[in-house]
C-alpha atoms as a PDB file:
ATOM      1  CA  UNK A   1       0.000   0.000   0.000  1.00  0.00           C
ATOM      2  CA  UNK A   2       2.711   2.414  -0.915  1.00  0.00           C
ATOM      3  CA  UNK A   3       1.525   5.695  -2.502  1.00  0.00           C
ATOM      4  CA  UNK A   4       4.944   7.264  -2.987  1.00  0.00           C
ATOM      5  CA  UNK A   5       7.118   6.855  -6.033  1.00  0.00           C
ATOM      6  CA  UNK A   6      10.842   7.645  -5.869  1.00  0.00           C
ATOM      7  CA  UNK A   7      12.093   9.646  -8.847  1.00  0.00           C
ATOM      8  CA  UNK A   8      15.827   9.448  -9.490  1.00  0.00           C
ATOM      9  CA  UNK A   9      17.673  12.730 -10.078  1.00  0.00           C
ATOM     10  CA  UNK A  10      18.648  11.820 -13.629  1.00  0.00           C
ATOM     11  CA  UNK A  11      15.009  11.679 -14.756  1.00  0.00           C
ATOM     12  CA  UNK A  12      14.231  15.312 -13.843  1.00  0.00           C
ATOM     13  CA  UNK A  13      14.377  17.464 -16.996  1.00  0.00           C
ATOM     14  CA  UNK A  14      16.381  20.662 -16.571  1.00  0.00           C
ATOM     15  CA  UNK A  15      15.623  23.759 -18.630  1.00  0.00           C
ATOM     16  CA  UNK A  16      18.670  25.415 -20.129  1.00  0.00           C
ATOM     17  CA  UNK A  17      17.222  28.960 -20.301  1.00  0.00           C
ATOM     18  CA  UNK A  18      15.426  29.006 -16.963  1.00  0.00           C
ATOM     19  CA  UNK A  19      17.964  31.288 -15.276  1.00  0.00           C
ATOM     20  CA  UNK A  20      17.912  33.786 -18.161  1.00  0.00           C
ATOM     21  CA  UNK A  21      14.128  33.917 -18.226  1.00  0.00           C
ATOM     22  CA  UNK A  22      13.921  34.321 -14.450  1.00  0.00           C
ATOM     23  CA  UNK A  23      16.388  37.237 -14.589  1.00  0.00           C
ATOM     24  CA  UNK A  24      14.396  38.869 -17.390  1.00  0.00           C
ATOM     25  CA  UNK A  25      11.164  38.396 -15.422  1.00  0.00           C
ATOM     26  CA  UNK A  26      12.800  39.891 -12.325  1.00  0.00           C
ATOM     27  CA  UNK A  27      13.960  42.930 -14.305  1.00  0.00           C
ATOM     28  CA  UNK A  28      10.481  43.423 -15.768  1.00  0.00           C
ATOM     29  CA  UNK A  29       8.941  43.209 -12.297  1.00  0.00           C
ATOM     30  CA  UNK A  30      11.401  45.789 -10.942  1.00  0.00           C
ATOM     31  CA  UNK A  31      10.724  48.156 -13.838  1.00  0.00           C
ATOM     32  CA  UNK A  32       6.965  47.843 -13.349  1.00  0.00           C
ATOM     33  CA  UNK A  33       7.332  48.400  -9.599  1.00  0.00           C
ATOM     34  CA  UNK A  34       9.412  51.536 -10.155  1.00  0.00           C
ATOM     35  CA  UNK A  35       6.888  52.906 -12.668  1.00  0.00           C
ATOM     36  CA  UNK A  36       3.965  52.218 -10.333  1.00  0.00           C
ATOM     37  CA  UNK A  37       5.759  53.770  -7.347  1.00  0.00           C
ATOM     38  CA  UNK A  38       6.732  56.818  -9.409  1.00  0.00           C
ATOM     39  CA  UNK A  39       3.139  57.279 -10.557  1.00  0.00           C
ATOM     40  CA  UNK A  40       1.784  56.863  -7.043  1.00  0.00           C
ATOM     41  CA  UNK A  41       4.348  59.294  -5.626  1.00  0.00           C
ATOM     42  CA  UNK A  42       3.590  61.867  -8.297  1.00  0.00           C
ATOM     43  CA  UNK A  43      -0.135  61.591  -7.637  1.00  0.00           C
ATOM     44  CA  UNK A  44       0.387  61.956  -3.872  1.00  0.00           C
ATOM     45  CA  UNK A  45       2.478  65.107  -4.360  1.00  0.00           C
ATOM     46  CA  UNK A  46      -0.158  66.590  -6.693  1.00  0.00           C
ATOM     47  CA  UNK A  47      -2.968  65.678  -4.272  1.00  0.00           C
ATOM     48  CA  UNK A  48      -1.087  67.170  -1.316  1.00  0.00           C
ATOM     49  CA  UNK A  49      -0.534  70.437  -3.196  1.00  0.00           C
ATOM     50  CA  UNK A  50      -4.200  70.510  -4.187  1.00  0.00           C
ATOM     51  CA  UNK A  51      -5.359  70.003  -0.590  1.00  0.00           C
ATOM     52  CA  UNK A  52      -2.968  72.687   0.656  1.00  0.00           C
ATOM     53  CA  UNK A  53      -4.175  75.144  -1.995  1.00  0.00           C
ATOM     54  CA  UNK A  54      -7.797  74.425  -1.052  1.00  0.00           C
ATOM     55  CA  UNK A  55      -7.117  75.032   2.650  1.00  0.00           C
ATOM     56  CA  UNK A  56      -5.226  78.245   1.872  1.00  0.00           C
ATOM     57  CA  UNK A  57      -8.068  79.570  -0.285  1.00  0.00           C
ATOM     58  CA  UNK A  58     -10.572  78.684   2.442  1.00  0.00           C
ATOM     59  CA  UNK A  59      -8.471  80.554   5.022  1.00  0.00           C
ATOM     60  CA  UNK A  60      -8.225  83.611   2.755  1.00  0.00           C
ATOM     61  CA  UNK A  61     -11.955  83.525   2.073  1.00  0.00           C
ATOM     62  CA  UNK A  62     -12.774  83.249   5.802  1.00  0.00           C
ATOM     63  CA  UNK A  63     -10.455  86.141   6.702  1.00  0.00           C
ATOM     64  CA  UNK A  64     -11.907  88.356   3.987  1.00  0.00           C
ATOM     65  CA  UNK A  65     -15.443  87.470   5.077  1.00  0.00           C
ATOM     66  CA  UNK A  66     -14.617  88.492   8.658  1.00  0.00           C
ATOM     67  CA  UNK A  67     -12.864  91.746   7.708  1.00  0.00           C
ATOM     68  CA  UNK A  68     -14.825  92.933   4.663  1.00  0.00           C
ATOM     69  CA  UNK A  69     -18.129  91.031   4.376  1.00  0.00           C
ATOM     70  CA  UNK A  70     -19.588  93.381   1.773  1.00  0.00           C
ATOM     71  CA  UNK A  71     -16.671  92.989  -0.657  1.00  0.00           C
ATOM     72  CA  UNK A  72     -15.382  89.534   0.276  1.00  0.00           C
ATOM     73  CA  UNK A  73     -14.876  88.284  -3.293  1.00  0.00           C
ATOM     74  CA  UNK A  74     -12.926  91.392  -4.257  1.00  0.00           C
ATOM     75  CA  UNK A  75     -10.777  90.950  -1.150  1.00  0.00           C
ATOM     76  CA  UNK A  76     -10.137  87.289  -2.021  1.00  0.00           C
ATOM     77  CA  UNK A  77      -9.117  88.177  -5.573  1.00  0.00           C
ATOM     78  CA  UNK A  78      -6.790  90.923  -4.334  1.00  0.00           C
ATOM     79  CA  UNK A  79      -5.079  88.676  -1.788  1.00  0.00           C
ATOM     80  CA  UNK A  80      -4.660  85.870  -4.321  1.00  0.00           C
ATOM     81  CA  UNK A  81      -3.088  88.243  -6.842  1.00  0.00           C
ATOM     82  CA  UNK A  82      -0.765  89.678  -4.196  1.00  0.00           C
ATOM     83  CA  UNK A  83       0.367  86.182  -3.183  1.00  0.00           C
ATOM     84  CA  UNK A  84       1.346  85.255  -6.698  1.00  0.00           C
ATOM     85  CA  UNK A  85      -1.864  84.564  -8.576  1.00  0.00           C
ATOM     86  CA  UNK A  86      -3.228  81.185  -7.532  1.00  0.00           C
ATOM     87  CA  UNK A  87      -5.115  79.434 -10.326  1.00  0.00           C
ATOM     88  CA  UNK A  88      -8.848  79.125  -9.800  1.00  0.00           C
END
């Protein structure tokens, strides 16, 4: 009742190009990982700048609303231009 079969070492087929293909696959994986990480990092930097710009505009708008409620939009535009012209 033996379910195991012993395979001698000589019967195992060895692939000649297995090391070359594994190196090529490893290089492709590294390149893809670098591209994905670069894309993710770029998106995170863009998103962080967008969030910061939104918070800054909200702070400017709130300050102008407190100081000059009747001309708040004009105040916001003036402050944005004086700070370097943020894109709306």
